[in-house]
Amino acid sequence: MIEPTGAELQVFGKVGTTAVTASLRGCPAVREGDVVPFAFPAGGIHLFDKATGTRLD
């Protein structure tokens, strides 16, 4: 699913069987159903515990 939110584009998808959400800045040419390769700096990742919702540091 893709949701434009002004300056960002929220992309909801899966990496393998794991659900992921990515916030993409700018106007990337991404459409529903696209396979999107991407890379990111390790410092830009925020992980959360699925059971509690607590951020993992």
C-alpha atoms as a PDB file:
ATOM      1  CA  MET A   1       0.000   0.000   0.000  1.00  0.00           C
ATOM      2  CA  ILE A   2       1.224   3.509  -0.777  1.00  0.00           C
ATOM      3  CA  GLU A   3       0.078   6.622   1.090  1.00  0.00           C
ATOM      4  CA  PRO A   4       1.243  10.095   0.081  1.00  0.00           C
ATOM      5  CA  THR A   5       1.511  12.375   3.136  1.00  0.00           C
ATOM      6  CA  GLY A   6       2.708  15.636   1.643  1.00  0.00           C
ATOM      7  CA  ALA A   7       6.506  15.766   1.605  1.00  0.00           C
ATOM      8  CA  GLU A   8       6.811  12.000   2.160  1.00  0.00           C
ATOM      9  CA  LEU A   9       5.420   8.810   0.724  1.00  0.00           C
ATOM     10  CA  GLN A  10       4.571   6.040   3.198  1.00  0.00           C
ATOM     11  CA  VAL A  11       5.174   2.620   1.634  1.00  0.00           C
ATOM     12  CA  PHE A  12       3.861  -0.490   3.378  1.00  0.00           C
ATOM     13  CA  GLY A  13       5.199  -3.827   2.214  1.00  0.00           C
ATOM     14  CA  LYS A  14       7.108  -6.959   3.119  1.00  0.00           C
ATOM     15  CA  VAL A  15      10.716  -8.063   3.252  1.00  0.00           C
ATOM     16  CA  GLY A  16      10.314 -11.819   3.028  1.00  0.00           C
ATOM     17  CA  THR A  17       7.455 -12.456   5.435  1.00  0.00           C
ATOM     18  CA  THR A  18       8.173  -9.444   7.651  1.00  0.00           C
ATOM     19  CA  ALA A  19       5.943  -6.380   7.313  1.00  0.00           C
ATOM     20  CA  VAL A  20       7.818  -3.100   6.859  1.00  0.00           C
ATOM     21  CA  THR A  21       6.917   0.565   6.565  1.00  0.00           C
ATOM     22  CA  ALA A  22       9.195   3.019   4.776  1.00  0.00           C
ATOM     23  CA  SER A  23       8.946   6.810   4.638  1.00  0.00           C
ATOM     24  CA  LEU A  24      10.331   8.020   1.315  1.00  0.00           C
ATOM     25  CA  ARG A  25      11.128  11.701   0.812  1.00  0.00           C
ATOM     26  CA  GLY A  26      10.661  13.498  -2.458  1.00  0.00           C
ATOM     27  CA  CYS A  27       8.529  12.148  -5.258  1.00  0.00           C
ATOM     28  CA  PRO A  28       9.742   8.611  -5.980  1.00  0.00           C
ATOM     29  CA  ALA A  29       8.067   6.872  -8.912  1.00  0.00           C
ATOM     30  CA  VAL A  30       6.541   4.042  -6.874  1.00  0.00           C
ATOM     31  CA  ARG A  31       3.221   2.429  -7.714  1.00  0.00           C
ATOM     32  CA  GLU A  32       1.080  -0.171  -5.945  1.00  0.00           C
ATOM     33  CA  GLY A  33       2.495  -3.643  -6.646  1.00  0.00           C
ATOM     34  CA  ASP A  34       6.006  -2.474  -7.567  1.00  0.00           C
ATOM     35  CA  VAL A  35       9.032  -4.377  -6.276  1.00  0.00           C
ATOM     36  CA  VAL A  36      11.247  -1.657  -4.842  1.00  0.00           C
ATOM     37  CA  PRO A  37      14.933  -2.250  -4.131  1.00  0.00           C
ATOM     38  CA  PHE A  38      16.312   0.153  -1.539  1.00  0.00           C
ATOM     39  CA  ALA A  39      19.216   0.711   0.817  1.00  0.00           C
ATOM     40  CA  PHE A  40      19.479   2.897   3.880  1.00  0.00           C
ATOM     41  CA  PRO A  41      22.025   3.971   6.502  1.00  0.00           C
ATOM     42  CA  ALA A  42      21.963   1.799   9.628  1.00  0.00           C
ATOM     43  CA  GLY A  43      21.438   4.918  11.766  1.00  0.00           C
ATOM     44  CA  GLY A  44      18.151   5.618   9.955  1.00  0.00           C
ATOM     45  CA  ILE A  45      16.434   2.412  11.083  1.00  0.00           C
ATOM     46  CA  HIS A  46      13.925   2.349  13.943  1.00  0.00           C
ATOM     47  CA  LEU A  47      12.982  -1.128  15.210  1.00  0.00           C
ATOM     48  CA  PHE A  48      10.116  -1.905  17.562  1.00  0.00           C
ATOM     49  CA  ASP A  49       9.182  -4.934  19.659  1.00  0.00           C
ATOM     50  CA  LYS A  50       6.136  -6.520  18.038  1.00  0.00           C
ATOM     51  CA  ALA A  51       4.565  -7.598  21.344  1.00  0.00           C
ATOM     52  CA  THR A  52       5.020  -4.360  23.319  1.00  0.00           C
ATOM     53  CA  GLY A  53       5.548  -1.671  20.674  1.00  0.00           C
ATOM     54  CA  THR A  54       8.653  -0.532  22.581  1.00  0.00           C
ATOM     55  CA  ARG A  55      11.457   0.876  20.465  1.00  0.00           C
ATOM     56  CA  LEU A  56      14.549  -1.336  20.342  1.00  0.00           C
ATOM     57  CA  ASP A  57      17.863   0.515  20.641  1.00  0.00           C
END
